[in-house]
Amino acid sequence: MKLPKNSTEADYDKVSHVTMLYRGSSGFNEVLEKPWDVAMDWFENDIPMALRIAVPDWVPTQGTVQLKEAADFGNASLAKYRKATFSFYGHSLASMDVQHTVTSLKDEYLERISGVYIYNGPNTYRTLPGVELKKLQKIRIGNGIKS
């Protein structure tokens, strides 16, 4: 459904389904084309998260700023499209964004998730606070996570 340029709440309420596609990391082969993207993806997200997952006793076990922003955007989107169901997709770095998003959603939004699909990304389970871990029991995730 294409929304009008100046959409109203009534317009957003007509949307029945939203697909959220999160983008994975820029590859090192793109460093000349997108140096900032590569640096942010790898040095601000991928490497810190790899350490937080692999050695949680040595580094803080929490998500990065990008993962928190992804979670905030997910909650804002569910608030905006109040009657829509949602599907979440992510690959690589984006799989971590999706994991943090769906486990950070407000409880009243959980029943509106129609699917969560994550591919070729790490399992961020060890970086989630206890309250977010409990939400995993309510969410069905189709994934390619390796624990």
Protein backbone atom coordinates (compact mmCIF):
# COMPACT_ATOMS: atom_id res chain seq x y z
CA MET A 1 0.00 0.00 0.00
CA LYS A 2 1.38 3.38 -0.95
CA LEU A 3 0.68 6.05 1.62
CA PRO A 4 -0.21 9.65 0.71
CA LYS A 5 2.54 12.26 0.99
CA ASN A 6 1.11 13.80 4.17
CA SER A 7 -0.17 10.65 5.85
CA THR A 8 -2.46 10.78 8.84
CA GLU A 9 -3.01 8.30 11.66
CA ALA A 10 -6.06 7.05 9.75
CA ASP A 11 -3.83 6.33 6.73
CA TYR A 12 -1.33 4.42 8.88
CA ASP A 13 -4.18 2.42 10.42
CA LYS A 14 -5.14 1.13 6.94
CA VAL A 15 -1.78 -0.65 6.62
CA SER A 16 -2.27 -4.34 7.42
CA HIS A 17 1.33 -5.59 7.28
CA VAL A 18 4.82 -4.08 7.52
CA THR A 19 8.01 -5.87 6.52
CA MET A 20 11.10 -4.58 8.30
CA LEU A 21 14.31 -5.30 6.37
CA TYR A 22 17.52 -4.58 8.24
CA ARG A 23 20.75 -4.22 6.24
CA GLY A 24 23.85 -6.25 7.09
CA SER A 25 27.43 -5.06 7.31
CA SER A 26 29.29 -3.39 4.50
CA GLY A 27 32.15 -5.67 3.48
CA PHE A 28 35.83 -4.81 3.68
CA ASN A 29 35.85 -4.94 -0.13
CA GLU A 30 33.71 -1.75 0.00
CA VAL A 31 36.18 0.24 2.10
CA LEU A 32 37.16 2.56 -0.78
CA GLU A 33 33.53 3.23 -1.78
CA LYS A 34 32.04 3.47 1.71
CA PRO A 35 34.83 3.92 4.25
CA TRP A 36 32.53 5.35 6.93
CA ASP A 37 29.99 2.50 6.59
CA VAL A 38 32.70 -0.15 6.79
CA ALA A 39 34.28 1.48 9.85
CA MET A 40 30.96 1.90 11.67
CA ASP A 41 29.72 -1.58 10.83
CA TRP A 42 32.88 -3.41 11.83
CA PHE A 43 34.55 -1.30 14.51
CA GLU A 44 31.45 0.06 16.23
CA ASN A 45 29.24 -3.04 15.93
CA ASP A 46 30.57 -6.34 14.60
CA ILE A 47 33.85 -6.53 16.50
CA PRO A 48 32.46 -5.24 19.84
CA MET A 49 29.49 -7.62 19.59
CA ALA A 50 31.77 -10.56 18.74
CA LEU A 51 33.75 -9.85 21.91
CA ARG A 52 30.60 -9.42 24.00
CA ILE A 53 29.27 -12.75 22.77
CA ALA A 54 32.55 -14.68 22.94
CA VAL A 55 33.92 -13.39 26.25
CA PRO A 56 31.03 -11.84 28.21
CA ASP A 57 33.00 -11.86 31.46
CA TRP A 58 35.63 -9.51 29.98
CA VAL A 59 33.45 -6.98 28.20
CA PRO A 60 30.00 -5.49 28.86
CA THR A 61 27.23 -7.85 27.79
CA GLN A 62 24.91 -5.42 26.12
CA GLY A 63 24.07 -4.29 22.63
CA THR A 64 25.82 -1.50 20.78
CA VAL A 65 24.34 1.93 20.09
CA GLN A 66 23.20 0.76 16.64
CA LEU A 67 21.35 -2.21 18.14
CA LYS A 68 19.56 0.08 20.60
CA GLU A 69 18.62 2.47 17.79
CA ALA A 70 17.27 -0.46 15.76
CA ALA A 71 15.17 -1.52 18.76
CA ASP A 72 13.87 2.02 19.27
CA PHE A 73 12.95 2.22 15.57
CA GLY A 74 11.09 -1.10 15.82
CA ASN A 75 9.02 0.13 18.77
CA ALA A 76 8.32 3.44 17.02
CA SER A 77 7.21 1.62 13.86
CA LEU A 78 4.81 -0.63 15.76
CA ALA A 79 3.41 2.45 17.51
CA LYS A 80 2.96 4.25 14.18
CA TYR A 81 1.31 1.34 12.33
CA ARG A 82 -1.06 0.44 15.16
CA LYS A 83 -3.15 -2.14 13.30
CA ALA A 84 -0.43 -3.82 11.24
CA THR A 85 1.33 -7.10 11.77
CA PHE A 86 5.11 -7.09 11.33
CA SER A 87 7.77 -9.35 9.86
CA PHE A 88 11.43 -8.74 10.65
CA TYR A 89 14.32 -9.84 8.41
CA GLY A 90 18.07 -9.48 8.86
CA HIS A 91 21.35 -10.92 7.61
CA SER A 92 24.77 -10.73 9.29
CA LEU A 93 24.96 -7.54 11.38
CA ALA A 94 21.27 -7.01 10.68
CA SER A 95 20.47 -10.34 12.36
CA MET A 96 21.81 -8.81 15.58
CA ASP A 97 19.69 -5.68 14.97
CA VAL A 98 16.60 -7.85 14.56
CA GLN A 99 17.34 -9.97 17.64
CA HIS A 100 17.70 -6.87 19.79
CA THR A 101 14.67 -5.24 18.20
CA VAL A 102 12.20 -8.06 18.78
CA THR A 103 13.37 -8.72 22.32
CA SER A 104 13.10 -5.01 23.13
CA LEU A 105 9.56 -4.57 21.86
CA LYS A 106 6.86 -3.54 24.29
CA ASP A 107 4.87 -6.55 25.50
CA GLU A 108 1.67 -5.33 23.84
CA TYR A 109 3.39 -5.46 20.43
CA LEU A 110 4.53 -9.09 20.62
CA GLU A 111 1.24 -10.58 19.39
CA ARG A 112 1.54 -8.49 16.19
CA ILE A 113 4.79 -10.14 15.11
CA SER A 114 4.00 -12.52 12.28
CA GLY A 115 7.57 -13.67 11.72
CA VAL A 116 11.22 -13.10 12.52
CA TYR A 117 13.79 -14.33 10.00
CA ILE A 118 17.50 -13.95 10.62
CA TYR A 119 20.32 -15.37 8.54
CA ASN A 120 24.06 -15.95 8.92
CA GLY A 121 24.49 -14.01 12.10
CA PRO A 122 25.65 -14.66 15.63
CA ASN A 123 23.34 -15.58 18.46
CA THR A 124 23.18 -12.50 20.70
CA TYR A 125 21.46 -14.38 23.53
CA ARG A 126 24.38 -13.78 25.92
CA THR A 127 24.13 -10.01 25.46
CA LEU A 128 20.43 -9.70 26.29
CA PRO A 129 19.21 -8.58 29.73
CA GLY A 130 16.97 -11.01 31.66
CA VAL A 131 13.71 -9.22 30.81
CA GLU A 132 14.50 -9.47 27.09
CA LEU A 133 15.38 -13.16 27.41
CA LYS A 134 11.90 -13.85 28.80
CA LYS A 135 10.38 -12.32 25.65
CA LEU A 136 12.15 -14.91 23.52
CA GLN A 137 9.75 -17.51 24.93
CA LYS A 138 6.86 -15.57 23.35
CA ILE A 139 8.47 -15.06 19.93
CA ARG A 140 8.95 -17.64 17.21
CA ILE A 141 12.16 -16.95 15.32
CA GLY A 142 13.10 -18.67 12.08
CA ASN A 143 16.86 -18.44 12.01
CA GLY A 144 20.21 -19.61 10.92
CA ILE A 145 21.80 -18.74 14.27
CA LYS A 146 24.68 -20.81 15.46
CA SER A 147 24.92 -20.97 19.25
